[in-house]
Amino acid sequence: ALAGMSGDDAMSRVLRAGLLAQERGPETMHLAARACAQREVAGIERG
């Protein structure tokens, strides 16, 4: 699944951030994915 998340869209980046942290447990995975999602907010709301 991580190998397939090579897109440059916001959802791919969020899922990739979570999958990269999946070996450190579900809580860390959720925090990593959520932090990435929050960073994408500025781009979505730009303008």
All heavy atoms as atom14 arrays in JSON, in Angstrom:
{
  "sequence": "ALAGMSGDDAMSRVLRAGLLAQERGPETMHLAARACAQREVAGIERG",
  "atom14_mask": [
    [1, 1, 1, 1, 1, 0, 0, 0, 0, 0, 0, 0, 0, 0],
    [1, 1, 1, 1, 1, 1, 1, 1, 0, 0, 0, 0, 0, 0],
    [1, 1, 1, 1, 1, 0, 0, 0, 0, 0, 0, 0, 0, 0],
    [1, 1, 1, 1, 0, 0, 0, 0, 0, 0, 0, 0, 0, 0],
    [1, 1, 1, 1, 1, 1, 1, 1, 0, 0, 0, 0, 0, 0],
    [1, 1, 1, 1, 1, 1, 0, 0, 0, 0, 0, 0, 0, 0],
    [1, 1, 1, 1, 0, 0, 0, 0, 0, 0, 0, 0, 0, 0],
    [1, 1, 1, 1, 1, 1, 1, 1, 0, 0, 0, 0, 0, 0],
    [1, 1, 1, 1, 1, 1, 1, 1, 0, 0, 0, 0, 0, 0],
    [1, 1, 1, 1, 1, 0, 0, 0, 0, 0, 0, 0, 0, 0],
    [1, 1, 1, 1, 1, 1, 1, 1, 0, 0, 0, 0, 0, 0],
    [1, 1, 1, 1, 1, 1, 0, 0, 0, 0, 0, 0, 0, 0],
    [1, 1, 1, 1, 1, 1, 1, 1, 1, 1, 1, 0, 0, 0],
    [1, 1, 1, 1, 1, 1, 1, 0, 0, 0, 0, 0, 0, 0],
    [1, 1, 1, 1, 1, 1, 1, 1, 0, 0, 0, 0, 0, 0],
    [1, 1, 1, 1, 1, 1, 1, 1, 1, 1, 1, 0, 0, 0],
    [1, 1, 1, 1, 1, 0, 0, 0, 0, 0, 0, 0, 0, 0],
    [1, 1, 1, 1, 0, 0, 0, 0, 0, 0, 0, 0, 0, 0],
    [1, 1, 1, 1, 1, 1, 1, 1, 0, 0, 0, 0, 0, 0],
    [1, 1, 1, 1, 1, 1, 1, 1, 0, 0, 0, 0, 0, 0],
    [1, 1, 1, 1, 1, 0, 0, 0, 0, 0, 0, 0, 0, 0],
    [1, 1, 1, 1, 1, 1, 1, 1, 1, 0, 0, 0, 0, 0],
    [1, 1, 1, 1, 1, 1, 1, 1, 1, 0, 0, 0, 0, 0],
    [1, 1, 1, 1, 1, 1, 1, 1, 1, 1, 1, 0, 0, 0],
    [1, 1, 1, 1, 0, 0, 0, 0, 0, 0, 0, 0, 0, 0],
    [1, 1, 1, 1, 1, 1, 1, 0, 0, 0, 0, 0, 0, 0],
    [1, 1, 1, 1, 1, 1, 1, 1, 1, 0, 0, 0, 0, 0],
    [1, 1, 1, 1, 1, 1, 1, 0, 0, 0, 0, 0, 0, 0],
    [1, 1, 1, 1, 1, 1, 1, 1, 0, 0, 0, 0, 0, 0],
    [1, 1, 1, 1, 1, 1, 1, 1, 1, 1, 0, 0, 0, 0],
    [1, 1, 1, 1, 1, 1, 1, 1, 0, 0, 0, 0, 0, 0],
    [1, 1, 1, 1, 1, 0, 0, 0, 0, 0, 0, 0, 0, 0],
    [1, 1, 1, 1, 1, 0, 0, 0, 0, 0, 0, 0, 0, 0],
    [1, 1, 1, 1, 1, 1, 1, 1, 1, 1, 1, 0, 0, 0],
    [1, 1, 1, 1, 1, 0, 0, 0, 0, 0, 0, 0, 0, 0],
    [1, 1, 1, 1, 1, 1, 0, 0, 0, 0, 0, 0, 0, 0],
    [1, 1, 1, 1, 1, 0, 0, 0, 0, 0, 0, 0, 0, 0],
    [1, 1, 1, 1, 1, 1, 1, 1, 1, 0, 0, 0, 0, 0],
    [1, 1, 1, 1, 1, 1, 1, 1, 1, 1, 1, 0, 0, 0],
    [1, 1, 1, 1, 1, 1, 1, 1, 1, 0, 0, 0, 0, 0],
    [1, 1, 1, 1, 1, 1, 1, 0, 0, 0, 0, 0, 0, 0],
    [1, 1, 1, 1, 1, 0, 0, 0, 0, 0, 0, 0, 0, 0],
    [1, 1, 1, 1, 0, 0, 0, 0, 0, 0, 0, 0, 0, 0],
    [1, 1, 1, 1, 1, 1, 1, 1, 0, 0, 0, 0, 0, 0],
    [1, 1, 1, 1, 1, 1, 1, 1, 1, 0, 0, 0, 0, 0],
    [1, 1, 1, 1, 1, 1, 1, 1, 1, 1, 1, 0, 0, 0],
    [1, 1, 1, 1, 0, 0, 0, 0, 0, 0, 0, 0, 0, 0]
  ],
  "atom14_positions": [
    [[0.83, -1.2, 0.0], [0.0, 0.0, 0.0], [0.86, 1.25, 0.0], [0.57, 2.23, -0.69], [-0.93, 0.0, 1.21], [0.0, 0.0, 0.0], [0.0, 0.0, 0.0], [0.0, 0.0, 0.0], [0.0, 0.0, 0.0], [0.0, 0.0, 0.0], [0.0, 0.0, 0.0], [0.0, 0.0, 0.0], [0.0, 0.0, 0.0], [0.0, 0.0, 0.0]],
    [[1.95, 1.23, 0.77], [2.86, 2.37, 0.81], [3.53, 2.6, -0.54], [3.69, 3.75, -0.97], [3.92, 2.15, 1.89], [4.97, 3.25, 2.05], [4.32, 4.58, 2.4], [5.99, 2.86, 3.12], [0.0, 0.0, 0.0], [0.0, 0.0, 0.0], [0.0, 0.0, 0.0], [0.0, 0.0, 0.0], [0.0, 0.0, 0.0], [0.0, 0.0, 0.0]],
    [[3.89, 1.52, -1.21], [4.51, 1.65, -2.53], [3.54, 2.27, -3.54], [3.97, 2.96, -4.46], [4.98, 0.28, -3.03], [0.0, 0.0, 0.0], [0.0, 0.0, 0.0], [0.0, 0.0, 0.0], [0.0, 0.0, 0.0], [0.0, 0.0, 0.0], [0.0, 0.0, 0.0], [0.0, 0.0, 0.0], [0.0, 0.0, 0.0], [0.0, 0.0, 0.0]],
    [[2.25, 2.04, -3.33], [1.27, 2.6, -4.26], [0.9, 4.04, -3.97], [0.24, 4.69, -4.79], [0.0, 0.0, 0.0], [0.0, 0.0, 0.0], [0.0, 0.0, 0.0], [0.0, 0.0, 0.0], [0.0, 0.0, 0.0], [0.0, 0.0, 0.0], [0.0, 0.0, 0.0], [0.0, 0.0, 0.0], [0.0, 0.0, 0.0], [0.0, 0.0, 0.0]],
    [[1.31, 4.58, -2.81], [0.97, 5.96, -2.45], [2.04, 6.92, -2.96], [2.72, 7.59, -2.19], [0.83, 6.09, -0.93], [-0.35, 5.35, -0.32], [-1.93, 6.01, -0.88], [-2.39, 4.8, -2.12], [0.0, 0.0, 0.0], [0.0, 0.0, 0.0], [0.0, 0.0, 0.0], [0.0, 0.0, 0.0], [0.0, 0.0, 0.0], [0.0, 0.0, 0.0]],
    [[2.25, 6.93, -4.26], [3.28, 7.78, -4.85], [2.71, 9.05, -5.48], [3.46, 9.81, -6.1], [4.05, 6.99, -5.92], [3.15, 6.52, -6.92], [0.0, 0.0, 0.0], [0.0, 0.0, 0.0], [0.0, 0.0, 0.0], [0.0, 0.0, 0.0], [0.0, 0.0, 0.0], [0.0, 0.0, 0.0], [0.0, 0.0, 0.0], [0.0, 0.0, 0.0]],
    [[1.41, 9.28, -5.33], [0.8, 10.46, -5.93], [1.21, 11.74, -5.22], [1.75, 11.72, -4.11], [0.0, 0.0, 0.0], [0.0, 0.0, 0.0], [0.0, 0.0, 0.0], [0.0, 0.0, 0.0], [0.0, 0.0, 0.0], [0.0, 0.0, 0.0], [0.0, 0.0, 0.0], [0.0, 0.0, 0.0], [0.0, 0.0, 0.0], [0.0, 0.0, 0.0]],
    [[0.95, 12.86, -5.89], [1.33, 14.16, -5.34], [0.13, 14.92, -4.79], [0.22, 16.12, -4.56], [2.03, 15.0, -6.43], [2.76, 16.19, -5.84], [3.25, 16.08, -4.7], [2.82, 17.24, -6.51], [0.0, 0.0, 0.0], [0.0, 0.0, 0.0], [0.0, 0.0, 0.0], [0.0, 0.0, 0.0], [0.0, 0.0, 0.0], [0.0, 0.0, 0.0]],
    [[-0.98, 14.25, -4.58], [-2.16, 14.91, -4.03], [-2.13, 14.82, -2.51], [-1.34, 14.09, -1.92], [-3.44, 14.27, -4.58], [-3.51, 12.8, -4.25], [-2.87, 12.0, -4.97], [-4.19, 12.44, -3.27], [0.0, 0.0, 0.0], [0.0, 0.0, 0.0], [0.0, 0.0, 0.0], [0.0, 0.0, 0.0], [0.0, 0.0, 0.0], [0.0, 0.0, 0.0]],
    [[-3.02, 15.6, -1.88], [-3.02, 15.69, -0.42], [-3.35, 14.36, 0.25], [-2.72, 14.0, 1.25], [-4.0, 16.77, 0.03], [0.0, 0.0, 0.0], [0.0, 0.0, 0.0], [0.0, 0.0, 0.0], [0.0, 0.0, 0.0], [0.0, 0.0, 0.0], [0.0, 0.0, 0.0], [0.0, 0.0, 0.0], [0.0, 0.0, 0.0], [0.0, 0.0, 0.0]],
    [[-4.32, 13.61, -0.28], [-4.69, 12.35, 0.34], [-3.56, 11.34, 0.28], [-3.32, 10.61, 1.26], [-5.94, 11.78, -0.34], [-6.45, 10.48, 0.28], [-6.94, 10.66, 2.02], [-8.54, 11.47, 1.82], [0.0, 0.0, 0.0], [0.0, 0.0, 0.0], [0.0, 0.0, 0.0], [0.0, 0.0, 0.0], [0.0, 0.0, 0.0], [0.0, 0.0, 0.0]],
    [[-2.84, 11.29, -0.83], [-1.7, 10.38, -0.92], [-0.64, 10.74, 0.12], [-0.06, 9.84, 0.75], [-1.09, 10.45, -2.33], [-1.99, 9.96, -3.3], [0.0, 0.0, 0.0], [0.0, 0.0, 0.0], [0.0, 0.0, 0.0], [0.0, 0.0, 0.0], [0.0, 0.0, 0.0], [0.0, 0.0, 0.0], [0.0, 0.0, 0.0], [0.0, 0.0, 0.0]],
    [[-0.4, 12.02, 0.32], [0.6, 12.43, 1.3], [0.16, 12.07, 2.72], [0.98, 11.65, 3.55], [0.87, 13.93, 1.18], [1.64, 14.3, -0.07], [2.12, 15.74, -0.02], [1.03, 16.68, -0.17], [0.6, 17.18, -1.33], [1.18, 16.79, -2.46], [-0.39, 18.05, -1.38], [0.0, 0.0, 0.0], [0.0, 0.0, 0.0], [0.0, 0.0, 0.0]],
    [[-1.13, 12.22, 3.02], [-1.63, 11.9, 4.35], [-1.52, 10.4, 4.61], [-1.01, 9.96, 5.67], [-3.09, 12.37, 4.5], [-3.72, 11.8, 5.77], [-3.14, 13.89, 4.55], [0.0, 0.0, 0.0], [0.0, 0.0, 0.0], [0.0, 0.0, 0.0], [0.0, 0.0, 0.0], [0.0, 0.0, 0.0], [0.0, 0.0, 0.0], [0.0, 0.0, 0.0]],
    [[-1.97, 9.59, 3.67], [-1.92, 8.14, 3.85], [-0.47, 7.65, 3.89], [-0.13, 6.74, 4.65], [-2.69, 7.44, 2.74], [-4.19, 7.73, 2.7], [-4.85, 7.02, 1.53], [-4.86, 7.32, 4.01], [0.0, 0.0, 0.0], [0.0, 0.0, 0.0], [0.0, 0.0, 0.0], [0.0, 0.0, 0.0], [0.0, 0.0, 0.0], [0.0, 0.0, 0.0]],
    [[0.39, 8.27, 3.07], [1.8, 7.87, 3.07], [2.45, 8.18, 4.42], [3.23, 7.38, 4.95], [2.52, 8.6, 1.94], [3.97, 8.14, 1.76], [4.53, 8.55, 0.39], [4.44, 9.99, 0.18], [3.72, 10.55, -0.8], [2.99, 9.8, -1.61], [3.71, 11.86, -0.95], [0.0, 0.0, 0.0], [0.0, 0.0, 0.0], [0.0, 0.0, 0.0]],
    [[2.12, 9.34, 4.99], [2.67, 9.69, 6.3], [2.23, 8.7, 7.37], [3.03, 8.3, 8.24], [2.23, 11.1, 6.69], [0.0, 0.0, 0.0], [0.0, 0.0, 0.0], [0.0, 0.0, 0.0], [0.0, 0.0, 0.0], [0.0, 0.0, 0.0], [0.0, 0.0, 0.0], [0.0, 0.0, 0.0], [0.0, 0.0, 0.0], [0.0, 0.0, 0.0]],
    [[0.97, 8.26, 7.31], [0.52, 7.27, 8.28], [1.15, 5.92, 8.07], [1.56, 5.25, 9.04], [0.0, 0.0, 0.0], [0.0, 0.0, 0.0], [0.0, 0.0, 0.0], [0.0, 0.0, 0.0], [0.0, 0.0, 0.0], [0.0, 0.0, 0.0], [0.0, 0.0, 0.0], [0.0, 0.0, 0.0], [0.0, 0.0, 0.0], [0.0, 0.0, 0.0]],
    [[1.27, 5.48, 6.82], [1.86, 4.16, 6.54], [3.33, 4.12, 6.92], [3.84, 3.07, 7.35], [1.67, 3.83, 5.06], [0.23, 3.51, 4.63], [0.13, 3.43, 3.12], [-0.26, 2.22, 5.27], [0.0, 0.0, 0.0], [0.0, 0.0, 0.0], [0.0, 0.0, 0.0], [0.0, 0.0, 0.0], [0.0, 0.0, 0.0], [0.0, 0.0, 0.0]],
    [[4.03, 5.21, 6.77], [5.44, 5.25, 7.15], [5.63, 5.06, 8.66], [6.68, 4.59, 9.1], [6.07, 6.57, 6.72], [6.36, 6.72, 5.22], [6.77, 8.15, 4.9], [7.43, 5.73, 4.77], [0.0, 0.0, 0.0], [0.0, 0.0, 0.0], [0.0, 0.0, 0.0], [0.0, 0.0, 0.0], [0.0, 0.0, 0.0], [0.0, 0.0, 0.0]],
    [[4.61, 5.42, 9.44], [4.7, 5.31, 10.9], [3.96, 4.1, 11.44], [3.82, 3.98, 12.66], [4.15, 6.59, 11.55], [0.0, 0.0, 0.0], [0.0, 0.0, 0.0], [0.0, 0.0, 0.0], [0.0, 0.0, 0.0], [0.0, 0.0, 0.0], [0.0, 0.0, 0.0], [0.0, 0.0, 0.0], [0.0, 0.0, 0.0], [0.0, 0.0, 0.0]],
    [[3.51, 3.2, 10.59], [2.64, 2.12, 11.06], [3.38, 1.12, 11.96], [2.77, 0.5, 12.81], [2.01, 1.41, 9.85], [2.96, 0.73, 8.89], [3.18, -0.73, 9.22], [2.4, -1.33, 9.96], [4.26, -1.29, 8.69], [0.0, 0.0, 0.0], [0.0, 0.0, 0.0], [0.0, 0.0, 0.0], [0.0, 0.0, 0.0], [0.0, 0.0, 0.0]],
    [[4.69, 1.0, 11.82], [5.42, 0.06, 12.67], [5.55, 0.55, 14.1], [5.87, -0.22, 15.01], [6.82, -0.18, 12.09], [6.8, -0.93, 10.77], [8.2, -1.22, 10.26], [9.16, -0.74, 10.9], [8.32, -1.92, 9.24], [0.0, 0.0, 0.0], [0.0, 0.0, 0.0], [0.0, 0.0, 0.0], [0.0, 0.0, 0.0], [0.0, 0.0, 0.0]],
    [[5.31, 1.84, 14.34], [5.4, 2.4, 15.71], [4.06, 2.41, 16.43], [3.92, 3.04, 17.47], [5.98, 3.81, 15.62], [7.45, 3.83, 15.28], [7.99, 5.23, 15.14], [7.64, 5.81, 13.85], [7.94, 7.05, 13.47], [8.59, 7.85, 14.32], [7.62, 7.48, 12.28], [0.0, 0.0, 0.0], [0.0, 0.0, 0.0], [0.0, 0.0, 0.0]],
    [[3.09, 1.73, 15.88], [1.81, 1.59, 16.57], [0.72, 2.46, 15.99], [0.99, 3.45, 15.28], [0.0, 0.0, 0.0], [0.0, 0.0, 0.0], [0.0, 0.0, 0.0], [0.0, 0.0, 0.0], [0.0, 0.0, 0.0], [0.0, 0.0, 0.0], [0.0, 0.0, 0.0], [0.0, 0.0, 0.0], [0.0, 0.0, 0.0], [0.0, 0.0, 0.0]],
    [[-0.53, 2.11, 16.28], [-1.65, 2.83, 15.69], [-1.76, 4.29, 16.14], [-2.17, 5.14, 15.36], [-2.87, 2.01, 16.15], [-2.41, 1.24, 17.34], [-0.97, 0.97, 17.1], [0.0, 0.0, 0.0], [0.0, 0.0, 0.0], [0.0, 0.0, 0.0], [0.0, 0.0, 0.0], [0.0, 0.0, 0.0], [0.0, 0.0, 0.0], [0.0, 0.0, 0.0]],
    [[-1.4, 4.55, 17.39], [-1.51, 5.93, 17.87], [-0.53, 6.84, 17.14], [-0.89, 7.95, 16.72], [-1.26, 5.97, 19.38], [-1.45, 7.35, 19.99], [-2.89, 7.83, 19.91], [-3.81, 6.99, 19.86], [-3.1, 9.07, 19.89], [0.0, 0.0, 0.0], [0.0, 0.0, 0.0], [0.0, 0.0, 0.0], [0.0, 0.0, 0.0], [0.0, 0.0, 0.0]],
    [[0.7, 6.38, 17.01], [1.69, 7.17, 16.29], [1.31, 7.32, 14.82], [1.5, 8.38, 14.22], [3.08, 6.51, 16.4], [3.42, 6.38, 17.78], [4.12, 7.34, 15.69], [0.0, 0.0, 0.0], [0.0, 0.0, 0.0], [0.0, 0.0, 0.0], [0.0, 0.0, 0.0], [0.0, 0.0, 0.0], [0.0, 0.0, 0.0], [0.0, 0.0, 0.0]],
    [[0.76, 6.25, 14.24], [0.31, 6.31, 12.86], [-0.78, 7.37, 12.68], [-0.74, 8.19, 11.74], [-0.22, 4.94, 12.42], [-0.7, 4.89, 10.98], [-1.63, 3.39, 10.62], [-0.45, 2.16, 11.11], [0.0, 0.0, 0.0], [0.0, 0.0, 0.0], [0.0, 0.0, 0.0], [0.0, 0.0, 0.0], [0.0, 0.0, 0.0], [0.0, 0.0, 0.0]],
    [[-1.73, 7.39, 13.61], [-2.81, 8.37, 13.53], [-2.27, 9.78, 13.69], [-2.67, 10.69, 12.95], [-3.85, 8.07, 14.62], [-5.0, 9.02, 14.6], [-5.7, 9.35, 15.73], [-5.58, 9.73, 13.59], [-6.65, 10.22, 15.43], [-6.6, 10.45, 14.13], [0.0, 0.0, 0.0], [0.0, 0.0, 0.0], [0.0, 0.0, 0.0], [0.0, 0.0, 0.0]],
    [[-1.36, 9.99, 14.64], [-0.81, 11.31, 14.85], [-0.02, 11.8, 13.63], [-0.12, 12.97, 13.25], [0.09, 11.31, 16.09], [-0.62, 11.14, 17.44], [0.4, 11.04, 18.57], [-1.58, 12.29, 17.69], [0.0, 0.0, 0.0], [0.0, 0.0, 0.0], [0.0, 0.0, 0.0], [0.0, 0.0, 0.0], [0.0, 0.0, 0.0], [0.0, 0.0, 0.0]],
    [[0.73, 10.91, 13.02], [1.51, 11.29, 11.84], [0.62, 11.66, 10.68], [0.83, 12.67, 9.99], [2.47, 10.16, 11.45], [0.0, 0.0, 0.0], [0.0, 0.0, 0.0], [0.0, 0.0, 0.0], [0.0, 0.0, 0.0], [0.0, 0.0, 0.0], [0.0, 0.0, 0.0], [0.0, 0.0, 0.0], [0.0, 0.0, 0.0], [0.0, 0.0, 0.0]],
    [[-0.42, 10.84, 10.45], [-1.34, 11.12, 9.35], [-2.14, 12.39, 9.61], [-2.37, 13.2, 8.7], [-2.26, 9.93, 9.13], [0.0, 0.0, 0.0], [0.0, 0.0, 0.0], [0.0, 0.0, 0.0], [0.0, 0.0, 0.0], [0.0, 0.0, 0.0], [0.0, 0.0, 0.0], [0.0, 0.0, 0.0], [0.0, 0.0, 0.0], [0.0, 0.0, 0.0]],
    [[-2.56, 12.57, 10.85], [-3.35, 13.76, 11.18], [-2.5, 15.03, 11.08], [-3.0, 16.06, 10.62], [-3.93, 13.63, 12.58], [-4.87, 14.76, 12.96], [-5.48, 14.54, 14.33], [-6.37, 15.63, 14.68], [-6.99, 15.73, 15.84], [-6.82, 14.79, 16.76], [-7.79, 16.74, 16.09], [0.0, 0.0, 0.0], [0.0, 0.0, 0.0], [0.0, 0.0, 0.0]],
    [[-1.25, 14.97, 11.52], [-0.38, 16.13, 11.39], [-0.18, 16.51, 9.92], [-0.17, 17.69, 9.56], [0.97, 15.85, 12.05], [0.0, 0.0, 0.0], [0.0, 0.0, 0.0], [0.0, 0.0, 0.0], [0.0, 0.0, 0.0], [0.0, 0.0, 0.0], [0.0, 0.0, 0.0], [0.0, 0.0, 0.0], [0.0, 0.0, 0.0], [0.0, 0.0, 0.0]],
    [[-0.04, 15.51, 9.08], [0.09, 15.78, 7.65], [-1.19, 16.39, 7.09], [-1.15, 17.31, 6.27], [0.45, 14.49, 6.92], [0.75, 14.72, 5.16], [0.0, 0.0, 0.0], [0.0, 0.0, 0.0], [0.0, 0.0, 0.0], [0.0, 0.0, 0.0], [0.0, 0.0, 0.0], [0.0, 0.0, 0.0], [0.0, 0.0, 0.0], [0.0, 0.0, 0.0]],
    [[-2.35, 15.88, 7.54], [-3.63, 16.43, 7.08], [-3.77, 17.9, 7.47], [-4.27, 18.72, 6.69], [-4.78, 15.61, 7.65], [0.0, 0.0, 0.0], [0.0, 0.0, 0.0], [0.0, 0.0, 0.0], [0.0, 0.0, 0.0], [0.0, 0.0, 0.0], [0.0, 0.0, 0.0], [0.0, 0.0, 0.0], [0.0, 0.0, 0.0], [0.0, 0.0, 0.0]],
    [[-3.33, 18.23, 8.67], [-3.41, 19.63, 9.11], [-2.49, 20.53, 8.3], [-2.82, 21.69, 8.05], [-3.07, 19.71, 10.6], [-4.13, 19.08, 11.49], [-3.72, 19.04, 12.95], [-2.56, 19.25, 13.29], [-4.67, 18.75, 13.83], [0.0, 0.0, 0.0], [0.0, 0.0, 0.0], [0.0, 0.0, 0.0], [0.0, 0.0, 0.0], [0.0, 0.0, 0.0]],
    [[-1.36, 20.0, 7.85], [-0.47, 20.8, 7.01], [-1.07, 21.05, 5.63], [-0.73, 22.03, 4.96], [0.89, 20.11, 6.86], [1.72, 20.12, 8.14], [3.16, 19.72, 7.85], [3.27, 18.36, 7.36], [3.44, 17.29, 8.14], [3.5, 17.44, 9.46], [3.54, 16.09, 7.61], [0.0, 0.0, 0.0], [0.0, 0.0, 0.0], [0.0, 0.0, 0.0]],
    [[-1.96, 20.18, 5.2], [-2.59, 20.34, 3.89], [-3.72, 21.36, 3.89], [-4.17, 21.79, 2.83], [-3.14, 18.99, 3.41], [-2.1, 17.91, 3.2], [-1.16, 18.22, 2.05], [-1.55, 19.0, 1.16], [-0.03, 17.69, 2.06], [0.0, 0.0, 0.0], [0.0, 0.0, 0.0], [0.0, 0.0, 0.0], [0.0, 0.0, 0.0], [0.0, 0.0, 0.0]],
    [[-4.19, 21.75, 5.07], [-5.33, 22.66, 5.15], [-5.02, 24.0, 4.5], [-5.84, 24.56, 3.76], [-5.75, 22.86, 6.63], [-6.77, 23.98, 6.75], [-6.33, 21.56, 7.19], [0.0, 0.0, 0.0], [0.0, 0.0, 0.0], [0.0, 0.0, 0.0], [0.0, 0.0, 0.0], [0.0, 0.0, 0.0], [0.0, 0.0, 0.0], [0.0, 0.0, 0.0]],
    [[-3.82, 24.52, 4.74], [-3.47, 25.83, 4.18], [-3.52, 25.82, 2.66], [-3.98, 26.78, 2.03], [-2.07, 26.23, 4.66], [0.0, 0.0, 0.0], [0.0, 0.0, 0.0], [0.0, 0.0, 0.0], [0.0, 0.0, 0.0], [0.0, 0.0, 0.0], [0.0, 0.0, 0.0], [0.0, 0.0, 0.0], [0.0, 0.0, 0.0], [0.0, 0.0, 0.0]],
    [[-3.08, 24.73, 2.04], [-3.11, 24.64, 0.59], [-4.53, 24.57, 0.05], [-4.83, 25.14, -0.99], [0.0, 0.0, 0.0], [0.0, 0.0, 0.0], [0.0, 0.0, 0.0], [0.0, 0.0, 0.0], [0.0, 0.0, 0.0], [0.0, 0.0, 0.0], [0.0, 0.0, 0.0], [0.0, 0.0, 0.0], [0.0, 0.0, 0.0], [0.0, 0.0, 0.0]],
    [[-5.4, 23.86, 0.75], [-6.77, 23.73, 0.3], [-7.52, 25.06, 0.44], [-8.32, 25.43, -0.42], [-7.48, 22.61, 1.08], [-6.89, 21.25, 0.7], [-8.99, 22.62, 0.82], [-7.44, 20.09, 1.5], [0.0, 0.0, 0.0], [0.0, 0.0, 0.0], [0.0, 0.0, 0.0], [0.0, 0.0, 0.0], [0.0, 0.0, 0.0], [0.0, 0.0, 0.0]],
    [[-7.25, 25.78, 1.51], [-7.95, 27.04, 1.76], [-7.26, 28.25, 1.14], [-7.73, 29.37, 1.32], [-8.1, 27.25, 3.27], [-9.01, 26.23, 3.94], [-9.17, 26.5, 5.42], [-8.3, 27.2, 5.99], [-10.16, 26.01, 6.0], [0.0, 0.0, 0.0], [0.0, 0.0, 0.0], [0.0, 0.0, 0.0], [0.0, 0.0, 0.0], [0.0, 0.0, 0.0]],
    [[-6.19, 28.04, 0.41], [-5.44, 29.16, -0.16], [-6.31, 30.02, -1.09], [-7.01, 29.5, -1.94], [-4.24, 28.64, -0.95], [-3.31, 29.73, -1.47], [-2.11, 29.17, -2.19], [-2.5, 28.49, -3.42], [-2.42, 27.19, -3.61], [-1.97, 26.41, -2.63], [-2.78, 26.64, -4.74], [0.0, 0.0, 0.0], [0.0, 0.0, 0.0], [0.0, 0.0, 0.0]],
    [[-6.29, 31.32, -0.87], [-7.02, 32.26, -1.72], [-8.43, 32.57, -1.25], [-9.0, 33.58, -1.67], [0.0, 0.0, 0.0], [0.0, 0.0, 0.0], [0.0, 0.0, 0.0], [0.0, 0.0, 0.0], [0.0, 0.0, 0.0], [0.0, 0.0, 0.0], [0.0, 0.0, 0.0], [0.0, 0.0, 0.0], [0.0, 0.0, 0.0], [0.0, 0.0, 0.0]]
  ]
}
